[in-house]
């Protein structure tokens, strides 16, 4: 899913948009053959956070597809005009009703097959401000022994939580990077297996 097919130019309405490498560029991009408008299709950022409170983590059960009925940390698409930290805080509020304080970045995970980058933060629970939104059917604080490992949305969420719990036991947190293709996560600054 590298590029979506463009049928009409958003600038002039022309119906001849072809993939080509624009002058001075390095990548093939959709280019309108009528007005020359270049469409830049870039990855989307998903921001989220591990919300901690008194030795527990706040999880939400999904009320919509994909992964209906599965548990996850709150996360979602970053919007224009906000920072990635603001996106993580907003998603926590929308999906769990909780206000949080971002403590720092924790995991950056690339999924090039879907043109997505996940940025997960550590966050501290401040309080419930509103009811959770329509994307969530239930929220719950769970201890490390209560995490519903077999009911999590994606393996990456389980990996992130496992690593977080192990680090919390030692009182020190790292920053991790990884990618879907290799399925590897490594501490920031180490040799990156996701770079070919």
N, C-alpha and C. Protein backbone atom coordinates (compact mmCIF):
# COMPACT_ATOMS: atom_id res chain seq x y z
N UNK A 1 0.83 -1.17 0.00
CA UNK A 1 0.00 0.00 0.00
C UNK A 1 0.88 1.24 0.00
N UNK A 2 1.77 1.34 -0.95
CA UNK A 2 2.68 2.46 -0.97
C UNK A 2 2.00 3.75 -1.41
N UNK A 3 1.18 3.69 -2.47
CA UNK A 3 0.47 4.89 -2.94
C UNK A 3 -0.97 4.52 -3.28
N UNK A 4 -1.89 5.41 -2.92
CA UNK A 4 -3.28 5.23 -3.34
C UNK A 4 -3.43 5.80 -4.73
N UNK A 5 -4.23 5.15 -5.54
CA UNK A 5 -4.50 5.62 -6.90
C UNK A 5 -5.30 6.91 -6.82
N UNK A 6 -4.82 7.93 -7.52
CA UNK A 6 -5.52 9.21 -7.59
C UNK A 6 -6.23 9.27 -8.94
N UNK A 7 -7.54 9.46 -8.92
CA UNK A 7 -8.33 9.49 -10.16
C UNK A 7 -8.52 10.90 -10.69
N UNK A 8 -8.59 11.88 -9.77
CA UNK A 8 -8.81 13.26 -10.20
C UNK A 8 -7.88 14.18 -9.42
N UNK A 9 -7.40 15.19 -10.08
CA UNK A 9 -6.53 16.18 -9.46
C UNK A 9 -7.34 17.05 -8.50
N UNK A 10 -6.82 17.23 -7.29
CA UNK A 10 -7.51 18.05 -6.30
C UNK A 10 -7.38 19.55 -6.59
N UNK A 11 -6.48 19.92 -7.50
CA UNK A 11 -6.29 21.33 -7.83
C UNK A 11 -7.15 21.78 -9.01
N UNK A 12 -7.11 20.99 -10.09
CA UNK A 12 -7.82 21.43 -11.30
C UNK A 12 -8.96 20.50 -11.71
N UNK A 13 -9.06 19.33 -11.08
CA UNK A 13 -10.11 18.38 -11.43
C UNK A 13 -9.77 17.49 -12.61
N UNK A 14 -8.58 17.65 -13.15
CA UNK A 14 -8.16 16.84 -14.28
C UNK A 14 -8.21 15.35 -13.96
N UNK A 15 -8.48 14.54 -14.99
CA UNK A 15 -8.63 13.10 -14.76
C UNK A 15 -7.43 12.28 -15.24
N UNK A 16 -6.33 12.95 -15.52
CA UNK A 16 -5.13 12.21 -15.93
C UNK A 16 -4.02 12.48 -14.92
N UNK A 17 -4.00 11.63 -13.88
CA UNK A 17 -2.99 11.72 -12.84
C UNK A 17 -2.15 10.45 -12.92
N UNK A 18 -0.88 10.61 -13.25
CA UNK A 18 0.01 9.46 -13.49
C UNK A 18 1.16 9.45 -12.49
N UNK A 19 1.65 8.25 -12.22
CA UNK A 19 2.82 8.11 -11.36
C UNK A 19 4.06 8.45 -12.17
N UNK A 20 4.87 9.37 -11.66
CA UNK A 20 6.14 9.71 -12.30
C UNK A 20 7.05 10.37 -11.27
N UNK A 21 8.34 10.41 -11.58
CA UNK A 21 9.30 11.05 -10.70
C UNK A 21 9.41 12.51 -11.12
N UNK A 22 8.93 13.44 -10.27
CA UNK A 22 9.03 14.85 -10.62
C UNK A 22 10.49 15.30 -10.70
N UNK A 23 10.73 16.32 -11.46
CA UNK A 23 12.08 16.85 -11.62
C UNK A 23 12.65 17.22 -10.25
N UNK A 24 13.86 16.75 -9.97
CA UNK A 24 14.52 17.04 -8.71
C UNK A 24 14.09 16.16 -7.55
N UNK A 25 13.21 15.22 -7.80
CA UNK A 25 12.71 14.33 -6.75
C UNK A 25 13.38 12.97 -6.86
N UNK A 26 13.16 12.13 -5.87
CA UNK A 26 13.74 10.78 -5.87
C UNK A 26 12.70 9.67 -5.88
N UNK A 27 11.43 10.03 -5.73
CA UNK A 27 10.37 9.05 -5.64
C UNK A 27 9.29 9.31 -6.70
N UNK A 28 8.69 8.22 -7.19
CA UNK A 28 7.55 8.35 -8.08
C UNK A 28 6.35 8.82 -7.27
N UNK A 29 5.63 9.80 -7.81
CA UNK A 29 4.48 10.37 -7.12
C UNK A 29 3.36 10.62 -8.13
N UNK A 30 2.10 10.67 -7.66
CA UNK A 30 1.01 11.03 -8.57
C UNK A 30 1.18 12.49 -9.03
N UNK A 31 1.19 12.69 -10.37
CA UNK A 31 1.36 14.03 -10.94
C UNK A 31 0.24 14.27 -11.94
N UNK A 32 -0.46 15.40 -11.77
CA UNK A 32 -1.52 15.76 -12.71
C UNK A 32 -0.89 16.16 -14.04
N UNK A 33 -1.36 15.54 -15.11
CA UNK A 33 -0.82 15.82 -16.44
C UNK A 33 -1.38 17.11 -17.03
N UNK A 34 -2.46 17.66 -16.41
CA UNK A 34 -3.05 18.89 -16.90
C UNK A 34 -2.40 20.13 -16.29
N UNK A 35 -2.27 20.15 -14.94
CA UNK A 35 -1.75 21.36 -14.30
C UNK A 35 -0.39 21.17 -13.65
N UNK A 36 0.10 19.92 -13.59
CA UNK A 36 1.41 19.66 -13.01
C UNK A 36 1.43 19.51 -11.49
N UNK A 37 0.25 19.55 -10.85
CA UNK A 37 0.19 19.42 -9.38
C UNK A 37 0.74 18.05 -8.96
N UNK A 38 1.60 18.06 -7.95
CA UNK A 38 2.19 16.83 -7.41
C UNK A 38 1.48 16.48 -6.10
N UNK A 39 1.05 15.24 -5.98
CA UNK A 39 0.39 14.79 -4.76
C UNK A 39 1.42 14.06 -3.90
N UNK A 40 1.65 14.57 -2.71
CA UNK A 40 2.58 13.94 -1.77
C UNK A 40 1.78 13.11 -0.79
N UNK A 41 1.99 11.80 -0.83
CA UNK A 41 1.30 10.89 0.07
C UNK A 41 2.33 10.38 1.08
N UNK A 42 2.20 10.83 2.31
CA UNK A 42 3.18 10.50 3.33
C UNK A 42 2.56 9.64 4.43
N UNK A 43 3.39 8.95 5.21
CA UNK A 43 2.86 8.09 6.26
C UNK A 43 2.03 8.86 7.29
N UNK A 44 1.10 8.15 7.91
CA UNK A 44 0.32 8.72 8.99
C UNK A 44 0.96 8.36 10.32
N UNK A 45 0.78 9.22 11.29
CA UNK A 45 1.33 9.01 12.63
C UNK A 45 0.21 8.61 13.57
N UNK A 46 0.43 7.52 14.31
CA UNK A 46 -0.49 7.08 15.34
C UNK A 46 0.19 7.36 16.67
N UNK A 47 -0.47 8.12 17.52
CA UNK A 47 0.09 8.48 18.83
C UNK A 47 -0.73 7.82 19.92
N UNK A 48 -0.04 7.36 20.95
CA UNK A 48 -0.74 6.73 22.06
C UNK A 48 0.10 6.76 23.31
N UNK A 49 -0.43 6.19 24.38
CA UNK A 49 0.35 6.17 25.61
C UNK A 49 -0.01 5.01 26.52
N UNK A 50 1.00 4.60 27.26
CA UNK A 50 0.81 3.66 28.36
C UNK A 50 0.51 4.52 29.57
N UNK A 51 -0.69 4.39 30.10
CA UNK A 51 -1.13 5.23 31.22
C UNK A 51 -0.97 4.44 32.51
N UNK A 52 -0.13 4.96 33.39
CA UNK A 52 0.15 4.26 34.65
C UNK A 52 -0.49 4.99 35.82
N UNK A 53 -0.90 4.20 36.82
CA UNK A 53 -1.49 4.78 38.03
C UNK A 53 -1.45 3.75 39.15
N UNK A 54 -0.67 4.03 40.17
CA UNK A 54 -0.58 3.18 41.36
C UNK A 54 -0.30 1.72 41.00
N UNK A 55 0.67 1.52 40.11
CA UNK A 55 1.06 0.16 39.74
C UNK A 55 0.15 -0.54 38.76
N UNK A 56 -0.79 0.21 38.18
CA UNK A 56 -1.72 -0.37 37.21
C UNK A 56 -1.64 0.38 35.89
N UNK A 57 -2.19 -0.23 34.83
CA UNK A 57 -2.21 0.36 33.49
C UNK A 57 -3.66 0.49 33.04
N UNK A 58 -3.95 1.60 32.36
CA UNK A 58 -5.31 1.83 31.88
C UNK A 58 -5.45 1.29 30.46
N UNK A 59 -6.33 0.32 30.29
CA UNK A 59 -6.59 -0.28 28.98
C UNK A 59 -8.04 -0.01 28.59
N UNK A 60 -8.28 0.00 27.29
CA UNK A 60 -9.64 0.15 26.78
C UNK A 60 -10.00 -1.01 25.87
N UNK A 61 -11.26 -1.44 25.94
CA UNK A 61 -11.75 -2.51 25.07
C UNK A 61 -12.41 -1.86 23.86
N UNK A 62 -12.00 -2.29 22.66
CA UNK A 62 -12.48 -1.67 21.44
C UNK A 62 -13.94 -2.02 21.17
N UNK A 63 -14.73 -0.98 20.82
CA UNK A 63 -16.14 -1.16 20.51
C UNK A 63 -16.39 -1.15 19.01
N UNK A 64 -15.33 -1.00 18.22
CA UNK A 64 -15.44 -0.95 16.76
C UNK A 64 -14.37 -1.83 16.13
N UNK A 65 -14.57 -2.14 14.86
CA UNK A 65 -13.53 -2.82 14.09
C UNK A 65 -12.49 -1.79 13.66
N UNK A 66 -11.26 -2.17 13.42
CA UNK A 66 -10.75 -3.54 13.58
C UNK A 66 -10.52 -3.89 15.05
N UNK A 67 -10.45 -5.17 15.28
CA UNK A 67 -10.18 -5.72 16.61
C UNK A 67 -11.28 -5.43 17.63
N UNK A 68 -12.52 -5.51 17.18
CA UNK A 68 -13.67 -5.35 18.06
C UNK A 68 -13.56 -6.32 19.24
N UNK A 69 -13.74 -5.80 20.46
CA UNK A 69 -13.72 -6.64 21.65
C UNK A 69 -12.34 -6.92 22.22
N UNK A 70 -11.31 -6.43 21.56
CA UNK A 70 -9.94 -6.63 22.05
C UNK A 70 -9.51 -5.43 22.90
N UNK A 71 -8.53 -5.64 23.76
CA UNK A 71 -8.02 -4.61 24.66
C UNK A 71 -6.76 -3.97 24.09
N UNK A 72 -6.57 -2.68 24.41
CA UNK A 72 -5.38 -1.98 23.93
C UNK A 72 -5.12 -0.75 24.79
N UNK A 73 -3.94 -0.19 24.59
CA UNK A 73 -3.66 1.12 25.16
C UNK A 73 -4.32 2.15 24.25
N UNK A 74 -4.70 3.31 24.76
CA UNK A 74 -5.32 4.32 23.90
C UNK A 74 -4.34 4.87 22.88
N UNK A 75 -4.75 4.90 21.62
CA UNK A 75 -3.90 5.40 20.54
C UNK A 75 -4.77 5.69 19.33
N UNK A 76 -4.32 6.63 18.49
CA UNK A 76 -5.06 6.94 17.29
C UNK A 76 -4.30 7.92 16.41
N UNK A 77 -4.92 8.29 15.31
CA UNK A 77 -4.28 9.13 14.32
C UNK A 77 -4.05 10.55 14.82
N UNK A 78 -2.86 11.04 14.56
CA UNK A 78 -2.52 12.42 14.84
C UNK A 78 -3.27 13.32 13.88
N UNK A 79 -3.74 14.47 14.36
CA UNK A 79 -4.47 15.43 13.54
C UNK A 79 -3.55 16.57 13.12
N UNK A 80 -3.89 17.23 12.02
CA UNK A 80 -3.16 18.43 11.62
C UNK A 80 -3.30 19.48 12.72
N UNK A 81 -2.25 20.24 12.92
CA UNK A 81 -2.29 21.34 13.88
C UNK A 81 -2.02 20.95 15.31
N UNK A 82 -1.64 19.69 15.58
CA UNK A 82 -1.31 19.30 16.94
C UNK A 82 0.04 18.61 16.99
N UNK A 83 0.69 18.65 18.14
CA UNK A 83 1.93 17.93 18.33
C UNK A 83 1.62 16.47 18.58
N UNK A 84 2.62 15.62 18.47
CA UNK A 84 2.39 14.20 18.70
C UNK A 84 2.02 13.96 20.17
N UNK A 85 2.57 14.77 21.09
CA UNK A 85 2.20 14.65 22.49
C UNK A 85 0.74 15.04 22.70
N UNK A 86 0.31 16.12 22.04
CA UNK A 86 -1.09 16.53 22.14
C UNK A 86 -2.01 15.46 21.57
N UNK A 87 -1.59 14.81 20.50
CA UNK A 87 -2.40 13.73 19.91
C UNK A 87 -2.55 12.58 20.89
N UNK A 88 -1.47 12.20 21.57
CA UNK A 88 -1.53 11.10 22.54
C UNK A 88 -2.46 11.44 23.70
N UNK A 89 -2.38 12.68 24.19
CA UNK A 89 -3.25 13.13 25.28
C UNK A 89 -4.71 13.16 24.83
N UNK A 90 -4.96 13.66 23.63
CA UNK A 90 -6.32 13.72 23.10
C UNK A 90 -6.90 12.32 22.93
N UNK A 91 -6.11 11.40 22.36
CA UNK A 91 -6.59 10.03 22.16
C UNK A 91 -6.92 9.36 23.49
N UNK A 92 -6.09 9.62 24.52
CA UNK A 92 -6.37 9.05 25.84
C UNK A 92 -7.72 9.56 26.35
N UNK A 93 -7.96 10.87 26.18
CA UNK A 93 -9.22 11.45 26.63
C UNK A 93 -10.40 10.89 25.84
N UNK A 94 -10.27 10.82 24.51
CA UNK A 94 -11.37 10.33 23.68
C UNK A 94 -11.68 8.86 23.93
N UNK A 95 -10.64 8.04 24.10
CA UNK A 95 -10.86 6.59 24.17
C UNK A 95 -11.09 6.08 25.59
N UNK A 96 -10.64 6.84 26.61
CA UNK A 96 -10.81 6.35 27.98
C UNK A 96 -11.50 7.36 28.89
N UNK A 97 -11.61 8.61 28.45
CA UNK A 97 -12.17 9.65 29.30
C UNK A 97 -11.19 10.22 30.29
N UNK A 98 -9.93 9.77 30.21
CA UNK A 98 -8.91 10.16 31.19
C UNK A 98 -8.04 11.31 30.70
N UNK A 99 -7.71 12.20 31.62
CA UNK A 99 -6.68 13.19 31.36
C UNK A 99 -5.36 12.61 31.87
N UNK A 100 -4.30 12.88 31.12
CA UNK A 100 -3.00 12.31 31.45
C UNK A 100 -1.91 13.37 31.33
N UNK A 101 -0.78 13.08 31.97
CA UNK A 101 0.42 13.90 31.83
C UNK A 101 1.47 13.04 31.14
N UNK A 102 1.96 13.50 29.99
CA UNK A 102 2.98 12.76 29.26
C UNK A 102 4.30 12.85 30.03
N UNK A 103 4.92 11.69 30.27
CA UNK A 103 6.18 11.62 30.99
C UNK A 103 7.38 11.56 30.05
N UNK A 104 7.19 11.00 28.86
CA UNK A 104 8.28 10.90 27.90
C UNK A 104 7.99 9.87 26.84
N UNK A 105 8.75 9.91 25.74
CA UNK A 105 8.56 8.91 24.68
C UNK A 105 9.04 7.55 25.14
N UNK A 106 8.40 6.50 24.61
CA UNK A 106 8.77 5.15 25.01
C UNK A 106 9.07 4.22 23.83
N UNK A 107 8.26 4.30 22.77
CA UNK A 107 8.45 3.36 21.67
C UNK A 107 8.04 4.01 20.34
N UNK A 108 8.88 3.83 19.34
CA UNK A 108 8.59 4.28 17.98
C UNK A 108 8.62 3.05 17.09
N UNK A 109 7.51 2.78 16.42
CA UNK A 109 7.36 1.52 15.67
C UNK A 109 6.83 1.83 14.28
N UNK A 110 7.55 1.38 13.26
CA UNK A 110 7.18 1.63 11.86
C UNK A 110 6.46 0.44 11.25
N UNK A 111 5.38 0.73 10.52
CA UNK A 111 4.66 -0.30 9.78
C UNK A 111 4.57 0.18 8.33
N UNK A 112 5.65 -0.01 7.54
CA UNK A 112 5.69 0.52 6.18
C UNK A 112 4.63 -0.07 5.25
N UNK A 113 4.17 -1.30 5.53
CA UNK A 113 3.13 -1.91 4.69
C UNK A 113 1.83 -1.13 4.76
N UNK A 114 1.61 -0.41 5.85
CA UNK A 114 0.38 0.38 6.01
C UNK A 114 0.67 1.88 6.01
N UNK A 115 1.92 2.25 5.73
CA UNK A 115 2.32 3.66 5.73
C UNK A 115 1.98 4.33 7.06
N UNK A 116 2.36 3.67 8.15
CA UNK A 116 2.07 4.19 9.48
C UNK A 116 3.31 4.17 10.36
N UNK A 117 3.37 5.14 11.28
CA UNK A 117 4.40 5.20 12.31
C UNK A 117 3.69 5.37 13.65
N UNK A 118 3.98 4.48 14.59
CA UNK A 118 3.39 4.54 15.92
C UNK A 118 4.39 5.17 16.89
N UNK A 119 3.93 6.16 17.64
CA UNK A 119 4.76 6.79 18.66
C UNK A 119 3.99 6.66 19.98
N UNK A 120 4.58 5.88 20.89
CA UNK A 120 3.93 5.59 22.17
C UNK A 120 4.70 6.27 23.29
N UNK A 121 3.96 6.94 24.16
CA UNK A 121 4.54 7.66 25.29
C UNK A 121 4.22 6.96 26.61
N UNK A 122 5.04 7.23 27.60
CA UNK A 122 4.69 6.91 28.99
C UNK A 122 3.87 8.08 29.50
N UNK A 123 2.81 7.80 30.24
CA UNK A 123 1.96 8.87 30.76
C UNK A 123 1.45 8.53 32.15
N UNK A 124 1.20 9.58 32.92
CA UNK A 124 0.67 9.45 34.27
C UNK A 124 -0.80 9.82 34.27
N UNK A 125 -1.63 8.99 34.88
CA UNK A 125 -3.07 9.25 35.01
C UNK A 125 -3.29 10.44 35.93
N UNK A 126 -4.12 11.39 35.49
CA UNK A 126 -4.47 12.55 36.31
C UNK A 126 -5.88 12.38 36.87
N UNK A 127 -6.83 12.00 36.02
CA UNK A 127 -8.19 11.79 36.49
C UNK A 127 -9.13 11.56 35.32
N UNK A 128 -10.32 11.09 35.61
CA UNK A 128 -11.33 10.92 34.57
C UNK A 128 -12.08 12.24 34.43
N UNK A 129 -12.11 12.76 33.20
CA UNK A 129 -12.73 14.05 32.93
C UNK A 129 -14.09 13.92 32.28
N UNK A 130 -14.28 12.84 31.52
CA UNK A 130 -15.52 12.67 30.76
C UNK A 130 -15.74 11.19 30.50
N UNK A 131 -16.94 10.80 30.07
CA UNK A 131 -17.15 9.40 29.68
C UNK A 131 -16.30 9.06 28.46
N UNK A 132 -15.90 7.81 28.34
CA UNK A 132 -15.13 7.42 27.16
C UNK A 132 -16.02 7.43 25.93
N UNK A 133 -15.36 7.53 24.75
CA UNK A 133 -16.09 7.70 23.49
C UNK A 133 -16.64 6.41 22.91
N UNK A 134 -17.22 6.55 21.72
CA UNK A 134 -17.91 5.45 21.04
C UNK A 134 -16.97 4.34 20.55
N UNK A 135 -15.67 4.62 20.47
CA UNK A 135 -14.73 3.59 20.01
C UNK A 135 -14.41 2.59 21.11
N UNK A 136 -14.83 2.87 22.33
CA UNK A 136 -14.49 2.05 23.49
C UNK A 136 -15.76 1.54 24.16
N UNK A 137 -15.75 0.25 24.55
CA UNK A 137 -16.91 -0.31 25.25
C UNK A 137 -16.68 -0.44 26.75
N UNK A 138 -15.40 -0.41 27.16
CA UNK A 138 -15.07 -0.61 28.57
C UNK A 138 -13.65 -0.14 28.81
N UNK A 139 -13.38 0.41 29.98
CA UNK A 139 -12.01 0.75 30.38
C UNK A 139 -11.73 0.10 31.72
N UNK A 140 -10.46 -0.20 31.95
CA UNK A 140 -10.12 -0.86 33.20
C UNK A 140 -8.65 -0.63 33.54
N UNK A 141 -8.38 -0.37 34.82
CA UNK A 141 -7.02 -0.36 35.32
C UNK A 141 -6.66 -1.80 35.66
N UNK A 142 -5.54 -2.28 35.15
CA UNK A 142 -5.13 -3.65 35.41
C UNK A 142 -3.70 -3.68 35.96
N UNK A 143 -3.44 -4.63 36.85
CA UNK A 143 -2.08 -4.85 37.31
C UNK A 143 -1.34 -5.65 36.25
N UNK A 144 -0.03 -5.79 36.41
CA UNK A 144 0.74 -6.57 35.44
C UNK A 144 0.27 -8.02 35.38
N UNK A 145 -0.30 -8.53 36.47
CA UNK A 145 -0.79 -9.91 36.48
C UNK A 145 -2.19 -10.03 35.89
N UNK A 146 -2.86 -8.90 35.66
CA UNK A 146 -4.22 -8.92 35.14
C UNK A 146 -4.31 -8.53 33.67
N UNK A 147 -3.19 -8.22 33.04
CA UNK A 147 -3.21 -7.83 31.62
C UNK A 147 -3.81 -8.98 30.81
N UNK A 148 -4.83 -8.73 30.00
CA UNK A 148 -5.45 -9.79 29.20
C UNK A 148 -4.61 -10.11 27.96
N UNK A 149 -3.49 -10.78 28.17
CA UNK A 149 -2.49 -11.00 27.12
C UNK A 149 -3.07 -11.61 25.86
N UNK A 150 -3.98 -12.56 25.99
CA UNK A 150 -4.55 -13.24 24.82
C UNK A 150 -5.68 -12.45 24.17
N UNK A 151 -6.03 -11.31 24.74
CA UNK A 151 -7.13 -10.51 24.21
C UNK A 151 -6.66 -9.11 23.80
N UNK A 152 -5.35 -8.93 23.58
CA UNK A 152 -4.83 -7.63 23.15
C UNK A 152 -4.99 -7.48 21.64
N UNK A 153 -5.09 -6.24 21.18
CA UNK A 153 -5.35 -5.97 19.76
C UNK A 153 -4.27 -6.51 18.85
N UNK A 154 -3.01 -6.20 19.14
CA UNK A 154 -1.91 -6.56 18.24
C UNK A 154 -0.73 -7.08 19.04
N UNK A 155 0.08 -7.96 18.45
CA UNK A 155 1.28 -8.45 19.15
C UNK A 155 2.20 -7.32 19.63
N UNK A 156 2.30 -6.24 18.85
CA UNK A 156 3.17 -5.13 19.24
C UNK A 156 2.74 -4.53 20.57
N UNK A 157 1.43 -4.48 20.84
CA UNK A 157 0.95 -3.94 22.12
C UNK A 157 1.40 -4.84 23.26
N UNK A 158 1.33 -6.13 23.06
CA UNK A 158 1.82 -7.07 24.07
C UNK A 158 3.31 -6.94 24.30
N UNK A 159 4.08 -6.75 23.22
CA UNK A 159 5.53 -6.57 23.35
C UNK A 159 5.86 -5.30 24.12
N UNK A 160 5.16 -4.21 23.79
CA UNK A 160 5.40 -2.94 24.46
C UNK A 160 5.08 -3.05 25.95
N UNK A 161 3.93 -3.65 26.29
CA UNK A 161 3.54 -3.78 27.69
C UNK A 161 4.48 -4.71 28.46
N UNK A 162 4.91 -5.80 27.83
CA UNK A 162 5.85 -6.74 28.48
C UNK A 162 7.14 -6.03 28.81
N UNK A 163 7.68 -5.31 27.85
CA UNK A 163 8.94 -4.58 28.05
C UNK A 163 8.76 -3.52 29.13
N UNK A 164 7.64 -2.81 29.08
CA UNK A 164 7.37 -1.75 30.05
C UNK A 164 7.30 -2.33 31.47
N UNK A 165 6.59 -3.43 31.64
CA UNK A 165 6.46 -4.06 32.96
C UNK A 165 7.82 -4.49 33.48
N UNK A 166 8.64 -5.10 32.60
CA UNK A 166 9.97 -5.53 33.02
C UNK A 166 10.82 -4.34 33.45
N UNK A 167 10.71 -3.24 32.71
CA UNK A 167 11.51 -2.06 33.05
C UNK A 167 10.98 -1.38 34.30
N UNK A 168 9.66 -1.36 34.48
CA UNK A 168 9.09 -0.75 35.67
C UNK A 168 9.58 -1.47 36.92
N UNK A 169 9.72 -2.79 36.82
CA UNK A 169 10.22 -3.57 37.96
C UNK A 169 11.64 -3.15 38.33
N UNK A 170 12.41 -2.66 37.34
CA UNK A 170 13.78 -2.22 37.58
C UNK A 170 13.89 -0.72 37.80
N UNK A 171 12.78 0.00 37.61
CA UNK A 171 12.75 1.44 37.87
C UNK A 171 13.46 2.30 36.85
N UNK A 172 13.68 1.77 35.66
CA UNK A 172 14.36 2.55 34.61
C UNK A 172 13.74 2.21 33.27
N UNK A 173 13.46 3.26 32.47
CA UNK A 173 12.80 3.07 31.18
C UNK A 173 13.71 3.51 30.05
N UNK A 174 13.66 2.77 28.94
CA UNK A 174 14.43 3.12 27.75
C UNK A 174 13.53 3.72 26.68
N UNK A 175 14.13 4.01 25.55
CA UNK A 175 13.39 4.43 24.36
C UNK A 175 13.68 3.39 23.29
N UNK A 176 12.63 2.85 22.68
CA UNK A 176 12.78 1.73 21.76
C UNK A 176 12.26 2.07 20.37
N UNK A 177 12.90 1.46 19.38
CA UNK A 177 12.48 1.61 18.00
C UNK A 177 12.32 0.23 17.40
N UNK A 178 11.46 0.12 16.40
CA UNK A 178 11.27 -1.18 15.76
C UNK A 178 10.49 -1.03 14.48
N UNK A 179 10.30 -2.17 13.81
CA UNK A 179 9.55 -2.16 12.55
C UNK A 179 8.82 -3.48 12.39
N UNK A 180 7.74 -3.41 11.66
CA UNK A 180 6.88 -4.57 11.46
C UNK A 180 7.58 -5.66 10.67
N UNK A 181 8.35 -5.27 9.65
CA UNK A 181 8.94 -6.27 8.75
C UNK A 181 9.83 -7.25 9.49
N UNK A 182 10.74 -6.76 10.33
CA UNK A 182 11.64 -7.65 11.06
C UNK A 182 11.02 -8.14 12.36
N UNK A 183 9.98 -7.44 12.83
CA UNK A 183 9.37 -7.82 14.10
C UNK A 183 10.32 -7.61 15.26
N UNK A 184 11.30 -6.73 15.10
CA UNK A 184 12.32 -6.52 16.11
C UNK A 184 12.16 -5.14 16.74
N UNK A 185 12.44 -5.07 18.00
CA UNK A 185 12.48 -3.80 18.71
C UNK A 185 13.84 -3.72 19.38
N UNK A 186 14.47 -2.57 19.32
CA UNK A 186 15.80 -2.43 19.90
C UNK A 186 15.90 -1.11 20.62
N UNK A 187 16.78 -1.02 21.62
CA UNK A 187 16.96 0.25 22.32
C UNK A 187 17.47 1.31 21.36
N UNK A 188 16.98 2.53 21.53
CA UNK A 188 17.42 3.66 20.71
C UNK A 188 18.91 3.83 20.86
N UNK A 189 19.60 4.03 19.75
CA UNK A 189 21.05 4.22 19.76
C UNK A 189 21.81 2.95 19.41
N UNK A 190 21.17 1.77 19.52
CA UNK A 190 21.82 0.52 19.11
C UNK A 190 21.70 0.36 17.60
N UNK A 191 22.42 -0.61 17.06
CA UNK A 191 22.33 -0.89 15.62
C UNK A 191 20.87 -1.15 15.25
N UNK A 192 20.43 -0.52 14.19
CA UNK A 192 19.01 -0.57 13.82
C UNK A 192 18.78 -1.67 12.79
N UNK A 193 18.08 -2.77 13.16
CA UNK A 193 17.83 -3.86 12.22
C UNK A 193 16.80 -3.49 11.15
N UNK A 194 16.13 -2.34 11.31
CA UNK A 194 15.10 -1.95 10.34
C UNK A 194 15.65 -1.11 9.20
N UNK A 195 16.93 -0.78 9.25
CA UNK A 195 17.56 -0.03 8.16
C UNK A 195 18.30 -1.04 7.28
N UNK A 196 17.92 -1.06 6.01
CA UNK A 196 18.57 -2.01 5.09
C UNK A 196 19.81 -1.38 4.48
